[in-house]
Amino acid sequence: MLPHDDVDYGTPKRASDQQVTLEIDGQAVTVPAGTSLMRAAIEAGVSVPKLCATDSLEPFGSCRLCLVEIEGRRGFPASCTTPAEAGMKVRTQSDKLQKLRHDVMELYISDHPLDCLTCAANGDCELQDMAGTVGLRNVRYGMEGKNHLGAAKDESNPYFTYDASKCIVCNRCVRACEETQGTFALTISGRGFDSRVSPGQDQAFMDSECVSCGACVQACPTGTLQDKSVVALGMPTKSVVTTCAYCGVGCGFKAEVKGEQVVRMTPWKDGQANDGHSCVKGRFAWGYATHKDRITKPMVRERITDPWREVSWDEAIAHAASEFKRIQARHGHDAVGGITSSRCTNEEAYLVQKLIRAAFGNNNVDTCARVCHSPTGYGLGQTFGTSAGTQTFKSVEQSDVIMVIGANPTDAHPVFASRMKKRLREGAKLIVVDPRRTDLVASPHVAADFHLQLRPGTNVALVTALAHVIVTEGLLDELFIAERCEDRSFRQWREFVARADNSPEATEAVTGVPAREVRGAARLYATGGNAAIYYGLGVTEHAQGSTMVMGIANLAMATGNVGREGVGVNPLRGQNNVQGSCDMGSFPHELPGYRHVSDSTVRAEFEAAWGVALSAEPGLRIPNMFDAALEGSFKGLYVQGEDIVQSDPNTQHVTEALSRLECLVVQDIFLNETAKYAHVFLPGSSFLEKDGTFTNAERRISRVRKVMKPLGGLADWEVTVKLAEALGYPMPYAHPSQVMDEIARLTPSFRGVSYAKLDKLGSVQWPCNEDTAEAGTPTMHVDGFVRGKGRFVITQYVATAEKVTRRFPLVLTTGRILSQYNVGAQTRRTDNNRWHDEDRLEIHPHDAEERGLREGDWVGITSRAGETVLRAVLSERMQPGVVYTTFHFPESGANVITTDSSDWATNCPEYKVTAVQVSKVAQPSEWQRGYEAFNRQQLDALERRGEAAAAEAALVMGK
């Protein structure tokens, strides 16, 4: 059975080594010290009425429904705010308590609309339930007095409504916004009878600081805050626990449905990555799954200028397979390849790389991690011996110092950010390393102790300067290093970082960060207690991305901040399954489990299981595929669930390469930018339409469960199986659980993973095998590193080849925004556009003034690779000389201007450093005009997809 518990215990669980035993309604109960009487009672099966209490929030004690009697004490204390004590004798039921609760409830109902039968919350309302619990049948007080029944609704938010007439001022929504989300967007305005929940200063929700995470809606015990989808569709009839398909946090959700129609997504309180919290994307932006743009029938065409022709699954699969066979027969064994998806499941990524290796017969497989976190795999592999983060997200609750490098978790990983901000409010110290002033640097109730606002591209110089301070000021953890790390590599590294040219004073001219700030941050990190590093694409997407990852690992080892709670090196993965796609062998040089294809022993194991001979030669990386396509040796590509045209750098280079292919097969849910260059389109399935698993940034493997039938008829894994069979390589799987069983047999770190275990435990963390606990490994490298001894690596700073010049005097860097996700294919098809409907260019007012730019002006951004036009936003978040944009909208062409510069070890593109010039313009760029024309042509080809089928049918009828 799934460990799924819908019981609300009223107050949070307390951890204590001390146990206390008391008596509740004559029953002996033993609980940890600090447990509330309410929770102790409910855990013992004794029901206690409540309205203001819920187990995700600290007790508040306002509703007065949970009153109890304690022998030897006067009065009627609230059970939610009264801790259990040894020897207590508590009564939760008596005539007096019943009368008090009844009278309190009567007061609530006297100022509440009596519209239960027509209220959207009917059947899911705690106020309604409590009225029944206390036996309230009539209300003595009339409605002619002063009341709130005429209060106006706030319908401004696209996802939920706020009906103030139904508010009982229990404060749960306000507390959720503070305690769970940490935004502090809600307050109680007015006093006494005039008290009401207010977003901001009596603003509408959409005008306030509300980030639409849904915590307030989830916490509301009445119909005051209600999902608009529930208002429109009615109450769901069942729920299915699954995992969010947005970022790498991997939140657990309950998909609540009627039949096969999703009514709402609610965060699962037992989700171990999110503990019942959510963000605007996972909570509300799921409508894309049934959007009118979904393509649900296979299509083929000879040339990309032709209209699409709808065909059967069998014809589409047969056509794709015959094209791949033809290409290999004519151009050679290595002329085809594939790209796995970091949005699809582990099982689906595994099958795609298996198809390429076993059916195509080569290792030309890659994944989107190439353009985001491939340096993480390389850097952590070199230093620690494994390509993944070291901790759980919950570990941050034990951190004393948190260093965030090149990441913006409040926008990109908001549920983790809420957990982190809570720890910061409790007193943890914060160091932010970022060219941009993100919300973490300074926002209500959270502020960085140090913001090292470095120049883009100088990460390595800065991390080495931090190490210089730790070494030269005697801040090393000598015992940890002696016990856990290679002596030779440490001595070489120590000698290197101690050099005067690596000091903060010497590197200040390079990084732009004052030496005193670097020294202060280094001392805090080394001496402040448990210190954890969290980093993102601002670390990896650089020419020295791999070097920087190793520099971060060096810092952690040098200070002993590895191998226990509250410390570690933690990459914040971008997509929902980017960790899993890497684990599954999606790189051209590695089989599942990060084992090199040249290892004959490993290869023999897979050959025996798969029944084919496997190539020992690493295949082509994504950039190599593009280059080979342009030179004519690479002719066919199978792309599952990735949009490389929009997401990869130097867009014009990518589209030219795809235009040279003889067969591009795209498997997706929409006609994305890559599919516009395809010859075969295979309808994909959303996460709601399939079974499988995702692996999040903390190595947590969680189940994805089918909520509705695939709109196209087949789940993604079934499509790959059919394609493999058409290529002559049978894959006889009946269910994704069988695929996971095979992964477990062939991958040591997954040896103990099974669907049965996931259903039992909710999730596990790899490594999960016979050498670990049943649920796997929450914290890595506890007693030793995976590679044995930790290895220090010299991090020599090498300036990027992408130089600022008189022609290109500014540096462009890129990132994400809260409401949109990655290339926007999902979020752009939801009401999230209400917050962000176009990519804009942030520019410092000083740089804008020099160029005569004002807020909202159209500006041309020109680089060595291309030019695009965006609307300007004047912002002091950027330092002078640096501009910033997002990449969520294809017409923006953000990657038209990024170059081919990439990480020396992995080819991860240097998105974060592009030399540009910015100037005021009056019309779109040449590329944008060309894109608009091409897009119209492709949408027309899609619209005409029925014409060919109709003509063919008429021809058949005529015969």
Foldseek 3Di string as FASTA:
>chain_A
DFPADPDWQFAAADDAPDWAWEAEPNRIFIHHWPQFQSNRCVVVVHDFQDALTTHVFQDDQDLLRRWKDWPPDDDTGRRRPHTDHHHIYIYRDDPVSLVRNQVSLLVLVLQADPPLVLFLCNVPASNVVSCVVSVPDDRPDHNPDDHCQPPDKQPPDPWKIADFSHDSPSCQLQRCCCQQQNQNQWDFDDDDRNTTIAGHPNDRCVVHSDQQQCSSVVRHRHSRIHTVLSSVPGFFDDWDWFWFFFFQLTFIWTQGHHPLHGSWIFTRCPGQSQNGTGGNCRGPQPVLQVFPQFDQFKWFDQALLFFTAGDHLVVLLLVQLVVLVVCCVVQHLQQEAEEAELSDFLLLLLLRQCLCFFLSVALRFAYCCLQWPPLQQVQCCQFQNGRAWFFRLLLQLVAQEEEEEADQCVAQVSSSVSSNLSSVLVHRAYEYEELFQHPQCDDPSHHHPAYQNWDQQCLLLLLLQLVLLCLVVVLFPVVLCVQFFDPVLVVVQSVQSVDPCSHLVNCCVVTVGHRVRSNVVSCCQQPRPQYAYEYTRSQQQHQANSLSSLSVVQSCSRRVNAADRRYTYFYGGRTRAPVSSVQCQRFQQAHHQRHGLLPPVLQVVVCVVQVGHGDNDRGDYPVRLLVCLVVPSHAEYEYEHDDCLQFPFQNVSNLVSLSSHSAYEYEERRCHPSVSSHRIYHYEHHLQAAWHWGQGNQQKTAIRDHSHHGSNRDHSSVSSQSSSVSSVRHDDDDGSQVSLCVSLVSHQQSVLDGVVLCSYHRIAGTNAHPVAPNRYRRGAQNPHRPVGHGGRDHRDRDGFPQDADPQQQAWEFEDGGRLAGRQRSSSQSGCSCVVPVDKAKEAAPVLCVVQVHDQQFWKWKAFPQGIWIHGYDHDPSRDHRYMYIYRHYRLRPLSSQFDQSGHPPSSNHNRGTTRIDMHGDDDTGPVSVVVVVSVVSSVVSNVCNVVVVVVVVVVVVVD
